[in-house]
Amino acid sequence: KGRFTISRDNTKNTVYLQMDSLKPEDTAVYFCNAAVVSDRIG
């Protein structure tokens, strides 16, 4: 909190993560996740 900012572009179905003031403890593998409704039945 206060260092990272998440945003999205709905026209591109894209999410961004702006990471500022990075620290060594931020070192990790970062995984993107999406929760979606796949079709009209869903």
PDB file of all heavy atoms in Angstrom:
ATOM      1  N   LYS A   1       0.830  -1.200   0.000  1.00  0.00           N
ATOM      2  CA  LYS A   1       0.000   0.000   0.000  1.00  0.00           C
ATOM      3  C   LYS A   1       0.868   1.256   0.000  1.00  0.00           C
ATOM      4  O   LYS A   1       1.825   1.368   0.752  1.00  0.00           O
ATOM      5  CB  LYS A   1      -0.934   0.005   1.211  1.00  0.00           C
ATOM      6  CG  LYS A   1      -2.052  -1.012   1.136  1.00  0.00           C
ATOM      7  CD  LYS A   1      -2.935  -0.958   2.375  1.00  0.00           C
ATOM      8  CE  LYS A   1      -4.062  -1.973   2.293  1.00  0.00           C
ATOM      9  NZ  LYS A   1      -4.897  -1.984   3.510  1.00  0.00           N
ATOM     10  N   GLY A   2       0.508   2.184  -0.856  1.00  0.00           N
ATOM     11  CA  GLY A   2       1.260   3.418  -0.976  1.00  0.00           C
ATOM     12  C   GLY A   2       2.412   3.354  -1.941  1.00  0.00           C
ATOM     13  O   GLY A   2       2.986   4.400  -2.281  1.00  0.00           O
ATOM     14  N   ARG A   3       2.782   2.165  -2.394  1.00  0.00           N
ATOM     15  CA  ARG A   3       3.893   2.002  -3.321  1.00  0.00           C
ATOM     16  C   ARG A   3       3.471   1.438  -4.672  1.00  0.00           C
ATOM     17  O   ARG A   3       4.069   1.775  -5.693  1.00  0.00           O
ATOM     18  CB  ARG A   3       4.965   1.091  -2.716  1.00  0.00           C
ATOM     19  CG  ARG A   3       5.559   1.614  -1.417  1.00  0.00           C
ATOM     20  CD  ARG A   3       6.738   0.762  -0.960  1.00  0.00           C
ATOM     21  NE  ARG A   3       6.336  -0.619  -0.675  1.00  0.00           N
ATOM     22  CZ  ARG A   3       6.825  -1.684  -1.310  1.00  0.00           C
ATOM     23  NH1 ARG A   3       7.731  -1.539  -2.273  1.00  0.00           N
ATOM     24  NH2 ARG A   3       6.420  -2.907  -0.984  1.00  0.00           N
ATOM     25  N   PHE A   4       2.462   0.577  -4.671  1.00  0.00           N
ATOM     26  CA  PHE A   4       1.995  -0.059  -5.902  1.00  0.00           C
ATOM     27  C   PHE A   4       0.634   0.502  -6.292  1.00  0.00           C
ATOM     28  O   PHE A   4      -0.179   0.862  -5.428  1.00  0.00           O
ATOM     29  CB  PHE A   4       1.869  -1.577  -5.723  1.00  0.00           C
ATOM     30  CG  PHE A   4       3.166  -2.314  -5.565  1.00  0.00           C
ATOM     31  CD1 PHE A   4       4.365  -1.649  -5.405  1.00  0.00           C
ATOM     32  CD2 PHE A   4       3.174  -3.701  -5.579  1.00  0.00           C
ATOM     33  CE1 PHE A   4       5.559  -2.338  -5.253  1.00  0.00           C
ATOM     34  CE2 PHE A   4       4.358  -4.407  -5.436  1.00  0.00           C
ATOM     35  CZ  PHE A   4       5.553  -3.722  -5.271  1.00  0.00           C
ATOM     36  N   THR A   5       0.373   0.528  -7.590  1.00  0.00           N
ATOM     37  CA  THR A   5      -0.903   0.986  -8.106  1.00  0.00           C
ATOM     38  C   THR A   5      -1.380   0.041  -9.195  1.00  0.00           C
ATOM     39  O   THR A   5      -0.645  -0.229 -10.148  1.00  0.00           O
ATOM     40  CB  THR A   5      -0.806   2.405  -8.670  1.00  0.00           C
ATOM     41  OG1 THR A   5      -0.306   3.298  -7.674  1.00  0.00           O
ATOM     42  CG2 THR A   5      -2.186   2.887  -9.123  1.00  0.00           C
ATOM     43  N   ILE A   6      -2.597  -0.456  -9.055  1.00  0.00           N
ATOM     44  CA  ILE A   6      -3.175  -1.328 -10.059  1.00  0.00           C
ATOM     45  C   ILE A   6      -4.169  -0.528 -10.892  1.00  0.00           C
ATOM     46  O   ILE A   6      -4.887   0.333 -10.377  1.00  0.00           O
ATOM     47  CB  ILE A   6      -3.841  -2.566  -9.432  1.00  0.00           C
ATOM     48  CG1 ILE A   6      -4.210  -3.592 -10.505  1.00  0.00           C
ATOM     49  CG2 ILE A   6      -5.067  -2.182  -8.601  1.00  0.00           C
ATOM     50  CD1 ILE A   6      -4.622  -4.951  -9.941  1.00  0.00           C
ATOM     51  N   SER A   7      -4.206  -0.810 -12.179  1.00  0.00           N
ATOM     52  CA  SER A   7      -5.134  -0.151 -13.079  1.00  0.00           C
ATOM     53  C   SER A   7      -5.500  -1.111 -14.200  1.00  0.00           C
ATOM     54  O   SER A   7      -4.904  -2.182 -14.324  1.00  0.00           O
ATOM     55  CB  SER A   7      -4.537   1.142 -13.647  1.00  0.00           C
ATOM     56  OG  SER A   7      -3.362   0.870 -14.396  1.00  0.00           O
ATOM     57  N   ARG A   8      -6.477  -0.717 -14.993  1.00  0.00           N
ATOM     58  CA  ARG A   8      -6.874  -1.602 -16.092  1.00  0.00           C
ATOM     59  C   ARG A   8      -7.359  -0.801 -17.285  1.00  0.00           C
ATOM     60  O   ARG A   8      -7.793   0.342 -17.168  1.00  0.00           O
ATOM     61  CB  ARG A   8      -7.959  -2.602 -15.653  1.00  0.00           C
ATOM     62  CG  ARG A   8      -9.388  -2.065 -15.708  1.00  0.00           C
ATOM     63  CD  ARG A   8      -9.760  -1.390 -14.408  1.00  0.00           C
ATOM     64  NE  ARG A   8     -11.180  -1.103 -14.358  1.00  0.00           N
ATOM     65  CZ  ARG A   8     -11.717   0.100 -14.504  1.00  0.00           C
ATOM     66  NH1 ARG A   8     -10.924   1.162 -14.681  1.00  0.00           N
ATOM     67  NH2 ARG A   8     -13.025   0.267 -14.448  1.00  0.00           N
ATOM     68  N   ASP A   9      -7.276  -1.440 -18.440  1.00  0.00           N
ATOM     69  CA  ASP A   9      -7.811  -0.916 -19.682  1.00  0.00           C
ATOM     70  C   ASP A   9      -8.842  -1.930 -20.152  1.00  0.00           C
ATOM     71  O   ASP A   9      -8.487  -2.977 -20.694  1.00  0.00           O
ATOM     72  CB  ASP A   9      -6.711  -0.724 -20.718  1.00  0.00           C
ATOM     73  CG  ASP A   9      -7.211  -0.093 -21.997  1.00  0.00           C
ATOM     74  OD1 ASP A   9      -8.426  -0.107 -22.255  1.00  0.00           O
ATOM     75  OD2 ASP A   9      -6.376   0.427 -22.764  1.00  0.00           O
ATOM     76  N   ASN A  10     -10.094  -1.637 -19.942  1.00  0.00           N
ATOM     77  CA  ASN A  10     -11.148  -2.598 -20.256  1.00  0.00           C
ATOM     78  C   ASN A  10     -11.270  -2.875 -21.749  1.00  0.00           C
ATOM     79  O   ASN A  10     -11.706  -3.959 -22.148  1.00  0.00           O
ATOM     80  CB  ASN A  10     -12.489  -2.104 -19.711  1.00  0.00           C
ATOM     81  CG  ASN A  10     -12.565  -2.169 -18.200  1.00  0.00           C
ATOM     82  OD1 ASN A  10     -11.852  -2.941 -17.561  1.00  0.00           O
ATOM     83  ND2 ASN A  10     -13.440  -1.364 -17.613  1.00  0.00           N
ATOM     84  N   THR A  11     -10.904  -1.917 -22.580  1.00  0.00           N
ATOM     85  CA  THR A  11     -10.982  -2.131 -24.018  1.00  0.00           C
ATOM     86  C   THR A  11      -9.965  -3.151 -24.496  1.00  0.00           C
ATOM     87  O   THR A  11     -10.150  -3.760 -25.551  1.00  0.00           O
ATOM     88  CB  THR A  11     -10.790  -0.820 -24.778  1.00  0.00           C
ATOM     89  OG1 THR A  11      -9.466  -0.318 -24.579  1.00  0.00           O
ATOM     90  CG2 THR A  11     -11.792   0.220 -24.305  1.00  0.00           C
ATOM     91  N   LYS A  12      -8.894  -3.341 -23.736  1.00  0.00           N
ATOM     92  CA  LYS A  12      -7.844  -4.294 -24.093  1.00  0.00           C
ATOM     93  C   LYS A  12      -7.831  -5.519 -23.196  1.00  0.00           C
ATOM     94  O   LYS A  12      -6.976  -6.391 -23.375  1.00  0.00           O
ATOM     95  CB  LYS A  12      -6.478  -3.618 -24.035  1.00  0.00           C
ATOM     96  CG  LYS A  12      -6.313  -2.447 -24.985  1.00  0.00           C
ATOM     97  CD  LYS A  12      -4.929  -1.833 -24.837  1.00  0.00           C
ATOM     98  CE  LYS A  12      -4.733  -0.676 -25.788  1.00  0.00           C
ATOM     99  NZ  LYS A  12      -3.387  -0.063 -25.638  1.00  0.00           N
ATOM    100  N   ASN A  13      -8.740  -5.596 -22.239  1.00  0.00           N
ATOM    101  CA  ASN A  13      -8.739  -6.671 -21.246  1.00  0.00           C
ATOM    102  C   ASN A  13      -7.358  -6.824 -20.611  1.00  0.00           C
ATOM    103  O   ASN A  13      -6.846  -7.933 -20.455  1.00  0.00           O
ATOM    104  CB  ASN A  13      -9.184  -7.993 -21.871  1.00  0.00           C
ATOM    105  CG  ASN A  13     -10.674  -8.041 -22.135  1.00  0.00           C
ATOM    106  OD1 ASN A  13     -11.452  -7.246 -21.603  1.00  0.00           O
ATOM    107  ND2 ASN A  13     -11.098  -8.982 -22.969  1.00  0.00           N
ATOM    108  N   THR A  14      -6.787  -5.705 -20.241  1.00  0.00           N
ATOM    109  CA  THR A  14      -5.433  -5.674 -19.719  1.00  0.00           C
ATOM    110  C   THR A  14      -5.401  -5.001 -18.355  1.00  0.00           C
ATOM    111  O   THR A  14      -6.073  -3.985 -18.138  1.00  0.00           O
ATOM    112  CB  THR A  14      -4.497  -4.937 -20.685  1.00  0.00           C
ATOM    113  OG1 THR A  14      -4.468  -5.622 -21.941  1.00  0.00           O
ATOM    114  CG2 THR A  14      -3.077  -4.871 -20.133  1.00  0.00           C
ATOM    115  N   VAL A  15      -4.622  -5.577 -17.461  1.00  0.00           N
ATOM    116  CA  VAL A  15      -4.418  -5.004 -16.140  1.00  0.00           C
ATOM    117  C   VAL A  15      -2.942  -4.663 -15.991  1.00  0.00           C
ATOM    118  O   VAL A  15      -2.073  -5.366 -16.517  1.00  0.00           O
ATOM    119  CB  VAL A  15      -4.891  -5.964 -15.032  1.00  0.00           C
ATOM    120  CG1 VAL A  15      -4.050  -7.233 -14.998  1.00  0.00           C
ATOM    121  CG2 VAL A  15      -4.874  -5.277 -13.678  1.00  0.00           C
ATOM    122  N   TYR A  16      -2.661  -3.585 -15.275  1.00  0.00           N
ATOM    123  CA  TYR A  16      -1.304  -3.119 -15.067  1.00  0.00           C
ATOM    124  C   TYR A  16      -1.010  -3.036 -13.574  1.00  0.00           C
ATOM    125  O   TYR A  16      -1.898  -2.799 -12.762  1.00  0.00           O
ATOM    126  CB  TYR A  16      -1.093  -1.740 -15.682  1.00  0.00           C
ATOM    127  CG  TYR A  16      -1.455  -1.660 -17.141  1.00  0.00           C
ATOM    128  CD1 TYR A  16      -2.726  -1.234 -17.531  1.00  0.00           C
ATOM    129  CD2 TYR A  16      -0.546  -2.012 -18.127  1.00  0.00           C
ATOM    130  CE1 TYR A  16      -3.072  -1.159 -18.867  1.00  0.00           C
ATOM    131  CE2 TYR A  16      -0.881  -1.938 -19.464  1.00  0.00           C
ATOM    132  CZ  TYR A  16      -2.143  -1.513 -19.830  1.00  0.00           C
ATOM    133  OH  TYR A  16      -2.482  -1.437 -21.159  1.00  0.00           O
ATOM    134  N   LEU A  17       0.238  -3.207 -13.247  1.00  0.00           N
ATOM    135  CA  LEU A  17       0.700  -3.015 -11.881  1.00  0.00           C
ATOM    136  C   LEU A  17       1.924  -2.115 -11.911  1.00  0.00           C
ATOM    137  O   LEU A  17       2.997  -2.547 -12.351  1.00  0.00           O
ATOM    138  CB  LEU A  17       1.034  -4.340 -11.202  1.00  0.00           C
ATOM    139  CG  LEU A  17       1.439  -4.240  -9.734  1.00  0.00           C
ATOM    140  CD1 LEU A  17       0.251  -3.808  -8.882  1.00  0.00           C
ATOM    141  CD2 LEU A  17       1.996  -5.567  -9.229  1.00  0.00           C
ATOM    142  N   GLN A  18       1.753  -0.886 -11.482  1.00  0.00           N
ATOM    143  CA  GLN A  18       2.857   0.052 -11.371  1.00  0.00           C
ATOM    144  C   GLN A  18       3.495  -0.114 -10.007  1.00  0.00           C
ATOM    145  O   GLN A  18       2.836   0.085  -8.983  1.00  0.00           O
ATOM    146  CB  GLN A  18       2.372   1.485 -11.563  1.00  0.00           C
ATOM    147  CG  GLN A  18       3.460   2.544 -11.430  1.00  0.00           C
ATOM    148  CD  GLN A  18       4.486   2.458 -12.534  1.00  0.00           C
ATOM    149  OE1 GLN A  18       4.138   2.279 -13.691  1.00  0.00           O
ATOM    150  NE2 GLN A  18       5.761   2.571 -12.180  1.00  0.00           N
ATOM    151  N   MET A  19       4.760  -0.477  -9.977  1.00  0.00           N
ATOM    152  CA  MET A  19       5.473  -0.748  -8.743  1.00  0.00           C
ATOM    153  C   MET A  19       6.557   0.304  -8.559  1.00  0.00           C
ATOM    154  O   MET A  19       7.502   0.369  -9.343  1.00  0.00           O
ATOM    155  CB  MET A  19       6.080  -2.151  -8.756  1.00  0.00           C
ATOM    156  CG  MET A  19       5.056  -3.256  -8.996  1.00  0.00           C
ATOM    157  SD  MET A  19       5.772  -4.917  -8.879  1.00  0.00           S
ATOM    158  CE  MET A  19       6.851  -4.890 -10.310  1.00  0.00           C
ATOM    159  N   ASP A  20       6.420   1.111  -7.527  1.00  0.00           N
ATOM    160  CA  ASP A  20       7.371   2.160  -7.211  1.00  0.00           C
ATOM    161  C   ASP A  20       8.009   1.886  -5.859  1.00  0.00           C
ATOM    162  O   ASP A  20       7.490   1.122  -5.051  1.00  0.00           O
ATOM    163  CB  ASP A  20       6.684   3.528  -7.194  1.00  0.00           C
ATOM    164  CG  ASP A  20       6.090   3.924  -8.527  1.00  0.00           C
ATOM    165  OD1 ASP A  20       6.725   3.664  -9.571  1.00  0.00           O
ATOM    166  OD2 ASP A  20       4.981   4.510  -8.538  1.00  0.00           O
ATOM    167  N   SER A  21       9.128   2.551  -5.617  1.00  0.00           N
ATOM    168  CA  SER A  21       9.847   2.408  -4.350  1.00  0.00           C
ATOM    169  C   SER A  21      10.072   0.945  -3.997  1.00  0.00           C
ATOM    170  O   SER A  21       9.825   0.504  -2.872  1.00  0.00           O
ATOM    171  CB  SER A  21       9.086   3.120  -3.223  1.00  0.00           C
ATOM    172  OG  SER A  21       8.916   4.495  -3.510  1.00  0.00           O
ATOM    173  N   LEU A  22      10.553   0.207  -4.950  1.00  0.00           N
ATOM    174  CA  LEU A  22      10.708  -1.235  -4.769  1.00  0.00           C
ATOM    175  C   LEU A  22      11.756  -1.554  -3.711  1.00  0.00           C
ATOM    176  O   LEU A  22      12.772  -0.865  -3.578  1.00  0.00           O
ATOM    177  CB  LEU A  22      11.074  -1.890  -6.092  1.00  0.00           C
ATOM    178  CG  LEU A  22       9.896  -2.062  -7.053  1.00  0.00           C
ATOM    179  CD1 LEU A  22      10.380  -2.298  -8.472  1.00  0.00           C
ATOM    180  CD2 LEU A  22       9.007  -3.217  -6.602  1.00  0.00           C
ATOM    181  N   LYS A  23      11.491  -2.619  -2.983  1.00  0.00           N
ATOM    182  CA  LYS A  23      12.349  -3.091  -1.915  1.00  0.00           C
ATOM    183  C   LYS A  23      12.809  -4.510  -2.215  1.00  0.00           C
ATOM    184  O   LYS A  23      12.136  -5.243  -2.944  1.00  0.00           O
ATOM    185  CB  LYS A  23      11.598  -3.080  -0.578  1.00  0.00           C
ATOM    186  CG  LYS A  23      11.006  -1.738  -0.196  1.00  0.00           C
ATOM    187  CD  LYS A  23      10.178  -1.859   1.076  1.00  0.00           C
ATOM    188  CE  LYS A  23       9.564  -0.538   1.466  1.00  0.00           C
ATOM    189  NZ  LYS A  23       8.738  -0.672   2.699  1.00  0.00           N
ATOM    190  N   PRO A  24      13.927  -4.931  -1.651  1.00  0.00           N
ATOM    191  CA  PRO A  24      14.367  -6.313  -1.859  1.00  0.00           C
ATOM    192  C   PRO A  24      13.311  -7.340  -1.483  1.00  0.00           C
ATOM    193  O   PRO A  24      13.229  -8.391  -2.131  1.00  0.00           O
ATOM    194  CB  PRO A  24      15.607  -6.425  -0.966  1.00  0.00           C
ATOM    195  CG  PRO A  24      16.150  -5.036  -0.920  1.00  0.00           C
ATOM    196  CD  PRO A  24      14.943  -4.144  -0.910  1.00  0.00           C
ATOM    197  N   GLU A  25      12.503  -7.053  -0.480  1.00  0.00           N
ATOM    198  CA  GLU A  25      11.469  -7.995  -0.077  1.00  0.00           C
ATOM    199  C   GLU A  25      10.328  -8.110  -1.082  1.00  0.00           C
ATOM    200  O   GLU A  25       9.446  -8.958  -0.925  1.00  0.00           O
ATOM    201  CB  GLU A  25      10.907  -7.638   1.307  1.00  0.00           C
ATOM    202  CG  GLU A  25      10.526  -6.177   1.454  1.00  0.00           C
ATOM    203  CD  GLU A  25      11.612  -5.355   2.124  1.00  0.00           C
ATOM    204  OE1 GLU A  25      12.789  -5.505   1.741  1.00  0.00           O
ATOM    205  OE2 GLU A  25      11.287  -4.575   3.039  1.00  0.00           O
ATOM    206  N   ASP A  26      10.315  -7.257  -2.108  1.00  0.00           N
ATOM    207  CA  ASP A  26       9.354  -7.398  -3.188  1.00  0.00           C
ATOM    208  C   ASP A  26       9.766  -8.459  -4.198  1.00  0.00           C
ATOM    209  O   ASP A  26       8.990  -8.788  -5.098  1.00  0.00           O
ATOM    210  CB  ASP A  26       9.158  -6.066  -3.915  1.00  0.00           C
ATOM    211  CG  ASP A  26       8.531  -5.002  -3.037  1.00  0.00           C
ATOM    212  OD1 ASP A  26       7.581  -5.325  -2.292  1.00  0.00           O
ATOM    213  OD2 ASP A  26       8.983  -3.840  -3.102  1.00  0.00           O
ATOM    214  N   THR A  27      10.973  -8.963  -4.072  1.00  0.00           N
ATOM    215  CA  THR A  27      11.462  -9.985  -4.985  1.00  0.00           C
ATOM    216  C   THR A  27      10.586 -11.230  -4.900  1.00  0.00           C
ATOM    217  O   THR A  27      10.393 -11.801  -3.828  1.00  0.00           O
ATOM    218  CB  THR A  27      12.916 -10.345  -4.670  1.00  0.00           C
ATOM    219  OG1 THR A  27      13.747  -9.202  -4.878  1.00  0.00           O
ATOM    220  CG2 THR A  27      13.404 -11.482  -5.561  1.00  0.00           C
ATOM    221  N   ALA A  28      10.052 -11.645  -6.046  1.00  0.00           N
ATOM    222  CA  ALA A  28       9.141 -12.779  -6.088  1.00  0.00           C
ATOM    223  C   ALA A  28       8.761 -13.058  -7.529  1.00  0.00           C
ATOM    224  O   ALA A  28       9.069 -12.276  -8.437  1.00  0.00           O
ATOM    225  CB  ALA A  28       7.882 -12.502  -5.266  1.00  0.00           C
ATOM    226  N   VAL A  29       8.090 -14.174  -7.731  1.00  0.00           N
ATOM    227  CA  VAL A  29       7.421 -14.426  -8.995  1.00  0.00           C
ATOM    228  C   VAL A  29       6.016 -13.855  -8.893  1.00  0.00           C
ATOM    229  O   VAL A  29       5.274 -14.176  -7.956  1.00  0.00           O
ATOM    230  CB  VAL A  29       7.365 -15.927  -9.334  1.00  0.00           C
ATOM    231  CG1 VAL A  29       6.611 -16.150 -10.641  1.00  0.00           C
ATOM    232  CG2 VAL A  29       8.775 -16.495  -9.435  1.00  0.00           C
ATOM    233  N   TYR A  30       5.661 -13.020  -9.837  1.00  0.00           N
ATOM    234  CA  TYR A  30       4.370 -12.361  -9.837  1.00  0.00           C
ATOM    235  C   TYR A  30       3.449 -13.044 -10.843  1.00  0.00           C
ATOM    236  O   TYR A  30       3.809 -13.228 -12.009  1.00  0.00           O
ATOM    237  CB  TYR A  30       4.521 -10.881 -10.180  1.00  0.00           C
ATOM    238  CG  TYR A  30       5.079 -10.063  -9.046  1.00  0.00           C
ATOM    239  CD1 TYR A  30       6.389 -10.225  -8.628  1.00  0.00           C
ATOM    240  CD2 TYR A  30       4.280  -9.135  -8.371  1.00  0.00           C
ATOM    241  CE1 TYR A  30       6.900  -9.495  -7.570  1.00  0.00           C
ATOM    242  CE2 TYR A  30       4.785  -8.393  -7.319  1.00  0.00           C
ATOM    243  CZ  TYR A  30       6.091  -8.574  -6.921  1.00  0.00           C
ATOM    244  OH  TYR A  30       6.590  -7.835  -5.875  1.00  0.00           O
ATOM    245  N   PHE A  31       2.262 -13.412 -10.379  1.00  0.00           N
ATOM    246  CA  PHE A  31       1.291 -14.128 -11.192  1.00  0.00           C
ATOM    247  C   PHE A  31       0.052 -13.267 -11.417  1.00  0.00           C
ATOM    248  O   PHE A  31      -0.502 -12.711 -10.468  1.00  0.00           O
ATOM    249  CB  PHE A  31       0.857 -15.432 -10.522  1.00  0.00           C
ATOM    250  CG  PHE A  31       1.963 -16.435 -10.348  1.00  0.00           C
ATOM    251  CD1 PHE A  31       2.703 -16.471  -9.179  1.00  0.00           C
ATOM    252  CD2 PHE A  31       2.252 -17.341 -11.346  1.00  0.00           C
ATOM    253  CE1 PHE A  31       3.717 -17.392  -9.006  1.00  0.00           C
ATOM    254  CE2 PHE A  31       3.263 -18.271 -11.188  1.00  0.00           C
ATOM    255  CZ  PHE A  31       3.997 -18.299 -10.021  1.00  0.00           C
ATOM    256  N   CYS A  32      -0.384 -13.207 -12.649  1.00  0.00           N
ATOM    257  CA  CYS A  32      -1.625 -12.540 -12.982  1.00  0.00           C
ATOM    258  C   CYS A  32      -2.786 -13.510 -12.831  1.00  0.00           C
ATOM    259  O   CYS A  32      -2.666 -14.695 -13.156  1.00  0.00           O
ATOM    260  CB  CYS A  32      -1.560 -12.010 -14.418  1.00  0.00           C
ATOM    261  SG  CYS A  32      -3.048 -11.144 -14.964  1.00  0.00           S
ATOM    262  N   ASN A  33      -3.895 -13.015 -12.339  1.00  0.00           N
ATOM    263  CA  ASN A  33      -5.095 -13.820 -12.160  1.00  0.00           C
ATOM    264  C   ASN A  33      -6.294 -13.079 -12.731  1.00  0.00           C
ATOM    265  O   ASN A  33      -6.389 -11.854 -12.617  1.00  0.00           O
ATOM    266  CB  ASN A  33      -5.326 -14.116 -10.676  1.00  0.00           C
ATOM    267  CG  ASN A  33      -6.691 -14.720 -10.401  1.00  0.00           C
ATOM    268  OD1 ASN A  33      -7.622 -14.012  -9.997  1.00  0.00           O
ATOM    269  ND2 ASN A  33      -6.817 -16.012 -10.616  1.00  0.00           N
ATOM    270  N   ALA A  34      -7.199 -13.836 -13.337  1.00  0.00           N
ATOM    271  CA  ALA A  34      -8.438 -13.262 -13.831  1.00  0.00           C
ATOM    272  C   ALA A  34      -9.605 -14.148 -13.441  1.00  0.00           C
ATOM    273  O   ALA A  34      -9.548 -15.370 -13.608  1.00  0.00           O
ATOM    274  CB  ALA A  34      -8.399 -13.088 -15.352  1.00  0.00           C
ATOM    275  N   ALA A  35     -10.638 -13.549 -12.917  1.00  0.00           N
ATOM    276  CA  ALA A  35     -11.896 -14.226 -12.635  1.00  0.00           C
ATOM    277  C   ALA A  35     -12.900 -13.763 -13.676  1.00  0.00           C
ATOM    278  O   ALA A  35     -13.172 -12.560 -13.774  1.00  0.00           O
ATOM    279  CB  ALA A  35     -12.379 -13.899 -11.225  1.00  0.00           C
ATOM    280  N   VAL A  36     -13.430 -14.709 -14.439  1.00  0.00           N
ATOM    281  CA  VAL A  36     -14.241 -14.335 -15.591  1.00  0.00           C
ATOM    282  C   VAL A  36     -15.535 -15.149 -15.646  1.00  0.00           C
ATOM    283  O   VAL A  36     -15.642 -16.231 -15.071  1.00  0.00           O
ATOM    284  CB  VAL A  36     -13.468 -14.526 -16.919  1.00  0.00           C
ATOM    285  CG1 VAL A  36     -12.112 -13.840 -16.857  1.00  0.00           C
ATOM    286  CG2 VAL A  36     -13.301 -16.008 -17.249  1.00  0.00           C
ATOM    287  N   VAL A  37     -16.490 -14.589 -16.352  1.00  0.00           N
ATOM    288  CA  VAL A  37     -17.648 -15.328 -16.830  1.00  0.00           C
ATOM    289  C   VAL A  37     -17.352 -15.672 -18.274  1.00  0.00           C
ATOM    290  O   VAL A  37     -17.113 -14.779 -19.094  1.00  0.00           O
ATOM    291  CB  VAL A  37     -18.934 -14.505 -16.708  1.00  0.00           C
ATOM    292  CG1 VAL A  37     -20.112 -15.250 -17.332  1.00  0.00           C
ATOM    293  CG2 VAL A  37     -19.217 -14.176 -15.252  1.00  0.00           C
ATOM    294  N   SER A  38     -17.341 -16.956 -18.610  1.00  0.00           N
ATOM    295  CA  SER A  38     -16.825 -17.392 -19.900  1.00  0.00           C
ATOM    296  C   SER A  38     -17.829 -17.270 -21.039  1.00  0.00           C
ATOM    297  O   SER A  38     -17.430 -17.097 -22.195  1.00  0.00           O
ATOM    298  CB  SER A  38     -16.344 -18.845 -19.817  1.00  0.00           C
ATOM    299  OG  SER A  38     -15.274 -18.962 -18.899  1.00  0.00           O
ATOM    300  N   ASP A  39     -19.126 -17.372 -20.745  1.00  0.00           N
ATOM    301  CA  ASP A  39     -20.134 -17.325 -21.789  1.00  0.00           C
ATOM    302  C   ASP A  39     -21.473 -16.890 -21.210  1.00  0.00           C
ATOM    303  O   ASP A  39     -21.596 -16.634 -20.011  1.00  0.00           O
ATOM    304  CB  ASP A  39     -20.259 -18.681 -22.500  1.00  0.00           C
ATOM    305  CG  ASP A  39     -20.488 -19.835 -21.543  1.00  0.00           C
ATOM    306  OD1 ASP A  39     -21.142 -19.627 -20.501  1.00  0.00           O
ATOM    307  OD2 ASP A  39     -20.007 -20.948 -21.834  1.00  0.00           O
ATOM    308  N   ARG A  40     -22.463 -16.844 -22.071  1.00  0.00           N
ATOM    309  CA  ARG A  40     -23.791 -16.395 -21.646  1.00  0.00           C
ATOM    310  C   ARG A  40     -24.443 -17.342 -20.645  1.00  0.00           C
ATOM    311  O   ARG A  40     -25.185 -16.900 -19.759  1.00  0.00           O
ATOM    312  CB  ARG A  40     -24.698 -16.207 -22.858  1.00  0.00           C
ATOM    313  CG  ARG A  40     -24.247 -15.108 -23.794  1.00  0.00           C
ATOM    314  CD  ARG A  40     -25.085 -15.067 -25.050  1.00  0.00           C
ATOM    315  NE  ARG A  40     -24.609 -14.064 -25.987  1.00  0.00           N
ATOM    316  CZ  ARG A  40     -23.630 -14.267 -26.849  1.00  0.00           C
ATOM    317  NH1 ARG A  40     -23.018 -15.444 -26.902  1.00  0.00           N
ATOM    318  NH2 ARG A  40     -23.257 -13.299 -27.676  1.00  0.00           N
ATOM    319  N   ILE A  41     -24.198 -18.636 -20.808  1.00  0.00           N
ATOM    320  CA  ILE A  41     -24.713 -19.595 -19.848  1.00  0.00           C
ATOM    321  C   ILE A  41     -24.116 -19.338 -18.473  1.00  0.00           C
ATOM    322  O   ILE A  41     -24.818 -19.382 -17.456  1.00  0.00           O
ATOM    323  CB  ILE A  41     -24.438 -21.039 -20.307  1.00  0.00           C
ATOM    324  CG1 ILE A  41     -25.092 -21.291 -21.665  1.00  0.00           C
ATOM    325  CG2 ILE A  41     -24.933 -22.033 -19.269  1.00  0.00           C
ATOM    326  CD1 ILE A  41     -26.602 -21.128 -21.642  1.00  0.00           C
ATOM    327  N   GLY A  42     -22.830 -19.063 -18.439  1.00  0.00           N
ATOM    328  CA  GLY A  42     -22.196 -18.738 -17.172  1.00  0.00           C
ATOM    329  C   GLY A  42     -22.776 -17.487 -16.551  1.00  0.00           C
ATOM    330  O   GLY A  42     -22.934 -17.408 -15.330  1.00  0.00           O
TER     331      GLY A  42
END
